[in-house]
N, C-alpha and C. Protein backbone atom coordinates (compact mmCIF):
# COMPACT_ATOMS: atom_id res chain seq x y z
N MET A 1 70.68 79.02 -10.99
CA MET A 1 69.96 77.75 -10.91
C MET A 1 70.86 76.69 -11.42
N ALA A 2 71.05 75.66 -10.62
CA ALA A 2 71.95 74.50 -11.03
C ALA A 2 71.11 73.49 -11.77
N TYR A 3 71.82 72.70 -12.59
CA TYR A 3 71.24 71.55 -13.25
C TYR A 3 71.25 70.36 -12.36
N ILE A 4 70.30 69.44 -12.57
CA ILE A 4 70.23 68.17 -11.96
C ILE A 4 70.21 67.12 -13.05
N ILE A 5 70.49 65.92 -12.67
CA ILE A 5 70.42 64.78 -13.57
C ILE A 5 69.36 63.87 -13.19
N LYS A 6 68.34 63.78 -14.11
CA LYS A 6 67.11 62.92 -13.82
C LYS A 6 67.51 61.42 -13.86
N ASP A 7 66.51 60.61 -13.40
CA ASP A 7 66.65 59.16 -13.34
C ASP A 7 66.86 58.52 -14.70
N GLU A 8 66.60 59.25 -15.79
CA GLU A 8 66.69 58.71 -17.15
C GLU A 8 68.19 58.51 -17.52
N CYS A 9 69.12 58.95 -16.66
CA CYS A 9 70.52 58.80 -16.92
C CYS A 9 70.91 57.39 -17.20
N ILE A 10 71.68 57.13 -18.21
CA ILE A 10 72.10 55.80 -18.57
C ILE A 10 73.59 55.60 -18.24
N LYS A 11 74.13 56.51 -17.51
CA LYS A 11 75.62 56.44 -17.13
C LYS A 11 76.58 56.25 -18.23
N CYS A 12 76.29 56.94 -19.36
CA CYS A 12 77.22 56.81 -20.49
C CYS A 12 78.45 57.57 -20.33
N GLY A 13 78.45 58.68 -19.44
CA GLY A 13 79.67 59.46 -19.21
C GLY A 13 79.84 60.61 -20.13
N ALA A 14 78.93 60.83 -20.98
CA ALA A 14 79.10 61.93 -21.98
C ALA A 14 79.21 63.26 -21.35
N CYS A 15 78.41 63.48 -20.27
CA CYS A 15 78.36 64.75 -19.70
C CYS A 15 79.62 65.21 -18.84
N GLU A 16 80.22 64.25 -18.17
CA GLU A 16 81.28 64.55 -17.20
C GLU A 16 82.47 65.35 -17.80
N PRO A 17 83.05 64.93 -18.92
CA PRO A 17 84.10 65.70 -19.51
C PRO A 17 83.73 67.07 -20.07
N GLU A 18 82.44 67.29 -20.37
CA GLU A 18 81.96 68.55 -20.93
C GLU A 18 81.83 69.66 -19.87
N CYS A 19 81.80 69.31 -18.62
CA CYS A 19 81.56 70.30 -17.58
C CYS A 19 82.80 71.11 -17.33
N PRO A 20 82.65 72.46 -17.54
CA PRO A 20 83.81 73.30 -17.41
C PRO A 20 84.33 73.52 -16.01
N VAL A 21 83.49 73.25 -14.98
CA VAL A 21 83.83 73.39 -13.60
C VAL A 21 83.98 72.08 -12.87
N ASN A 22 83.91 71.01 -13.61
CA ASN A 22 84.11 69.63 -13.04
C ASN A 22 83.19 69.33 -11.83
N CYS A 23 81.93 69.62 -11.99
CA CYS A 23 80.99 69.42 -10.87
C CYS A 23 80.14 68.17 -11.08
N ILE A 24 80.44 67.41 -12.13
CA ILE A 24 79.70 66.13 -12.35
C ILE A 24 80.51 64.93 -11.96
N THR A 25 79.94 64.06 -11.17
CA THR A 25 80.62 62.87 -10.75
C THR A 25 79.73 61.63 -10.92
N GLU A 26 80.34 60.47 -11.01
CA GLU A 26 79.57 59.23 -11.19
C GLU A 26 79.08 58.77 -9.82
N GLY A 27 77.72 58.56 -9.77
CA GLY A 27 77.09 58.10 -8.52
C GLY A 27 76.75 56.62 -8.70
N ASP A 28 76.08 56.06 -7.73
CA ASP A 28 75.69 54.69 -7.74
C ASP A 28 74.69 54.38 -8.87
N GLU A 29 73.66 55.18 -8.97
CA GLU A 29 72.62 54.90 -9.95
C GLU A 29 72.78 55.73 -11.23
N ASN A 30 73.37 56.91 -11.13
CA ASN A 30 73.61 57.67 -12.32
C ASN A 30 74.58 58.83 -12.00
N TYR A 31 74.91 59.70 -12.90
CA TYR A 31 75.74 60.78 -12.62
C TYR A 31 75.11 61.82 -11.80
N VAL A 32 75.88 62.57 -11.08
CA VAL A 32 75.37 63.60 -10.10
C VAL A 32 76.06 64.94 -10.34
N ILE A 33 75.33 66.00 -10.30
CA ILE A 33 75.84 67.42 -10.39
C ILE A 33 75.80 68.05 -9.03
N ASP A 34 77.00 68.58 -8.59
CA ASP A 34 77.04 69.29 -7.39
C ASP A 34 76.41 70.71 -7.58
N PRO A 35 75.29 70.91 -6.91
CA PRO A 35 74.54 72.15 -7.10
C PRO A 35 75.32 73.42 -6.65
N ASN A 36 76.24 73.21 -5.77
CA ASN A 36 77.06 74.37 -5.27
C ASN A 36 78.12 74.82 -6.22
N GLU A 37 78.47 73.93 -7.18
CA GLU A 37 79.56 74.16 -8.07
C GLU A 37 79.03 74.49 -9.51
N CYS A 38 77.81 73.97 -9.81
CA CYS A 38 77.26 74.23 -11.13
C CYS A 38 77.02 75.59 -11.56
N ILE A 39 77.51 76.01 -12.74
CA ILE A 39 77.36 77.36 -13.18
C ILE A 39 76.21 77.56 -14.14
N ASP A 40 75.37 76.56 -14.30
CA ASP A 40 74.19 76.67 -15.18
C ASP A 40 74.50 76.91 -16.59
N CYS A 41 75.58 76.30 -17.19
CA CYS A 41 75.96 76.53 -18.51
C CYS A 41 75.23 75.71 -19.54
N GLY A 42 74.77 74.50 -19.13
CA GLY A 42 74.00 73.59 -20.01
C GLY A 42 74.88 72.74 -20.89
N ALA A 43 76.19 72.75 -20.72
CA ALA A 43 77.10 71.96 -21.58
C ALA A 43 76.79 70.44 -21.43
N CYS A 44 76.43 70.03 -20.18
CA CYS A 44 76.10 68.63 -20.04
C CYS A 44 74.80 68.26 -20.73
N ALA A 45 73.87 69.11 -20.70
CA ALA A 45 72.59 68.82 -21.31
C ALA A 45 72.72 68.73 -22.90
N ALA A 46 73.64 69.54 -23.43
CA ALA A 46 73.83 69.56 -24.84
C ALA A 46 74.39 68.24 -25.43
N VAL A 47 75.05 67.44 -24.63
CA VAL A 47 75.67 66.22 -25.13
C VAL A 47 74.96 64.95 -24.64
N CYS A 48 73.99 65.08 -23.76
CA CYS A 48 73.38 63.91 -23.19
C CYS A 48 72.40 63.24 -24.24
N PRO A 49 72.60 61.96 -24.51
CA PRO A 49 71.74 61.31 -25.45
C PRO A 49 70.29 61.06 -25.01
N VAL A 50 70.09 61.11 -23.72
CA VAL A 50 68.69 60.90 -23.14
C VAL A 50 68.13 62.08 -22.47
N ASP A 51 68.71 63.24 -22.60
CA ASP A 51 68.17 64.50 -21.99
C ASP A 51 67.97 64.43 -20.49
N ALA A 52 68.91 63.78 -19.79
CA ALA A 52 68.78 63.63 -18.35
C ALA A 52 69.15 64.88 -17.62
N PRO A 53 70.17 65.71 -17.97
CA PRO A 53 70.40 66.96 -17.27
C PRO A 53 69.39 68.00 -17.57
N VAL A 54 68.73 68.59 -16.53
CA VAL A 54 67.74 69.63 -16.73
C VAL A 54 67.93 70.72 -15.69
N PRO A 55 67.51 71.94 -16.03
CA PRO A 55 67.57 72.97 -14.95
C PRO A 55 66.74 72.60 -13.79
N ASN A 56 67.27 72.86 -12.57
CA ASN A 56 66.45 72.51 -11.38
C ASN A 56 65.55 73.68 -10.99
């Protein structure tokens, strides 16, 4: 099960460098996780100040 980033994302960028498989990219409105690459590790969720990444 991949993680997704909810609309609460404030585009702080904390999640992107934490991803061990580099599946997080900056989108227009918020950061985006590629569900085909996500390994469901939760590293992004652990560092997010607004709890935007959640299991899908």
